[in-house]
Protein backbone atom coordinates (compact mmCIF):
# COMPACT_ATOMS: atom_id res chain seq x y z
CA MET A 1 -40.34 28.69 -26.09
CA ALA A 2 -43.02 27.58 -23.69
CA ASP A 3 -45.51 30.05 -25.05
CA GLY A 4 -45.78 28.10 -28.40
CA LEU A 5 -43.94 28.29 -31.80
CA GLN A 6 -42.50 31.45 -32.81
CA TYR A 7 -40.73 32.67 -36.11
CA LEU A 8 -37.52 34.35 -35.37
CA ARG A 9 -36.31 36.73 -38.02
CA SER A 10 -32.82 37.69 -36.59
CA ASN A 11 -30.01 36.67 -34.23
CA ALA A 12 -31.08 39.58 -32.15
CA GLU A 13 -34.49 38.29 -31.53
CA MET A 14 -33.11 34.76 -30.60
CA VAL A 15 -30.76 36.38 -28.02
CA GLN A 16 -33.97 38.03 -26.40
CA LEU A 17 -35.64 34.80 -26.45
CA LEU A 18 -32.72 32.99 -24.89
CA ARG A 19 -32.36 35.61 -22.13
CA ALA A 20 -36.03 35.45 -21.42
CA GLU A 21 -36.26 31.85 -21.22
CA LEU A 22 -33.11 31.68 -18.81
CA GLY A 23 -34.80 34.26 -16.70
CA ARG A 24 -37.99 32.21 -16.50
CA ALA A 25 -35.74 28.89 -15.72
CA LYS A 26 -33.83 30.73 -12.92
CA SER A 27 -37.31 32.09 -11.41
CA GLY A 28 -38.68 28.52 -11.38
CA ALA A 29 -41.62 29.57 -13.79
CA VAL A 30 -40.19 26.92 -16.30
CA GLY A 31 -38.69 23.49 -15.17
CA TYR A 32 -35.71 23.30 -17.50
CA SER A 33 -33.12 20.75 -16.53
CA ALA A 34 -29.70 21.67 -15.63
CA GLY A 35 -28.52 20.36 -18.93
CA ALA A 36 -30.87 22.24 -20.74
CA GLN A 37 -30.01 25.60 -18.98
CA GLU A 38 -26.53 25.01 -19.64
CA GLN A 39 -27.12 24.41 -23.31
CA MET A 40 -29.20 27.65 -23.59
CA SER A 41 -26.49 29.59 -21.66
CA ARG A 42 -23.87 28.29 -24.03
CA GLU A 43 -26.08 29.24 -27.22
CA LEU A 44 -26.74 32.66 -25.67
CA ALA A 45 -22.85 33.29 -25.07
CA THR A 46 -22.24 32.13 -28.71
CA ARG A 47 -24.91 34.39 -30.24
CA GLU A 48 -23.96 37.49 -28.27
CA GLU A 49 -20.33 36.89 -29.25
CA TYR A 50 -21.54 36.69 -32.89
CA GLU A 51 -23.57 40.06 -32.31
CA LYS A 52 -20.37 41.76 -31.13
CA LYS A 53 -18.51 40.68 -33.96
CA ARG A 54 -21.03 41.16 -36.69
CA LYS A 55 -20.31 44.34 -38.87
CA PRO A 56 -23.23 46.29 -40.05
CA ASN A 57 -24.32 45.65 -43.55
CA GLN A 58 -22.15 47.43 -46.18
CA ALA A 59 -24.38 46.61 -49.22
CA ALA A 60 -25.66 49.44 -51.36
CA ALA A 61 -29.23 50.35 -50.78
CA PRO A 62 -31.43 48.20 -53.04
CA ASN A 63 -32.68 49.65 -56.15
CA ARG A 64 -36.30 50.57 -55.83
CA ARG A 65 -36.79 51.37 -59.37
CA PRO A 66 -39.37 49.19 -61.40
CA ARG A 67 -37.81 46.62 -63.68
CA PHE A 68 -39.65 47.77 -66.80
CA PRO A 69 -40.46 51.64 -67.11
CA LEU A 70 -44.10 52.37 -67.34
CA VAL A 71 -43.71 55.07 -70.00
CA ALA A 72 -44.70 53.19 -73.05
CA LEU A 73 -47.99 51.42 -72.39
CA GLY A 74 -49.22 51.50 -76.04
CA ARG A 75 -49.05 48.45 -78.14
CA PHE A 76 -45.57 47.54 -79.33
CA VAL A 77 -45.09 47.07 -83.02
CA SER A 78 -41.78 45.51 -84.42
CA PRO A 79 -40.65 46.93 -87.62
CA VAL A 80 -38.59 43.67 -88.18
CA SER A 81 -40.68 40.85 -89.35
CA ALA A 82 -39.69 37.24 -90.06
CA ALA A 83 -39.45 35.74 -93.67
CA SER A 84 -42.66 34.28 -94.69
CA ALA A 85 -42.97 30.52 -94.45
CA SER A 86 -42.26 28.53 -97.48
CA PRO A 87 -44.43 25.20 -98.33
CA ALA A 88 -41.23 23.90 -99.91
CA ALA A 89 -39.66 20.85 -98.06
CA VAL A 90 -36.01 21.17 -96.81
CA GLY A 91 -33.57 21.08 -99.54
CA GLU A 92 -36.06 21.80 -102.40
CA PRO A 93 -35.98 25.25 -104.26
CA HIS A 94 -38.22 28.00 -102.99
CA ARG A 95 -40.88 29.37 -105.64
């Protein structure tokens, strides 16, 4: 914390950071108040309990196939075409 801003990607990284900061506080390297140390201790205990209860991810492995197959790279020509536009107004007979 005292070293600067850090981006934490997981609860496990936060647990490591809290342990390190509490160690620095107890050694006297950082002057945290008693209230701040108590708050970090509670946060650490909560996060460690969460890690114990957390189950591994049961989701299926992500599908790594590309969205669109790269087989047909040629020009796509549609056999179906729309009817040609008529110059007649709505409700008038088409010629």
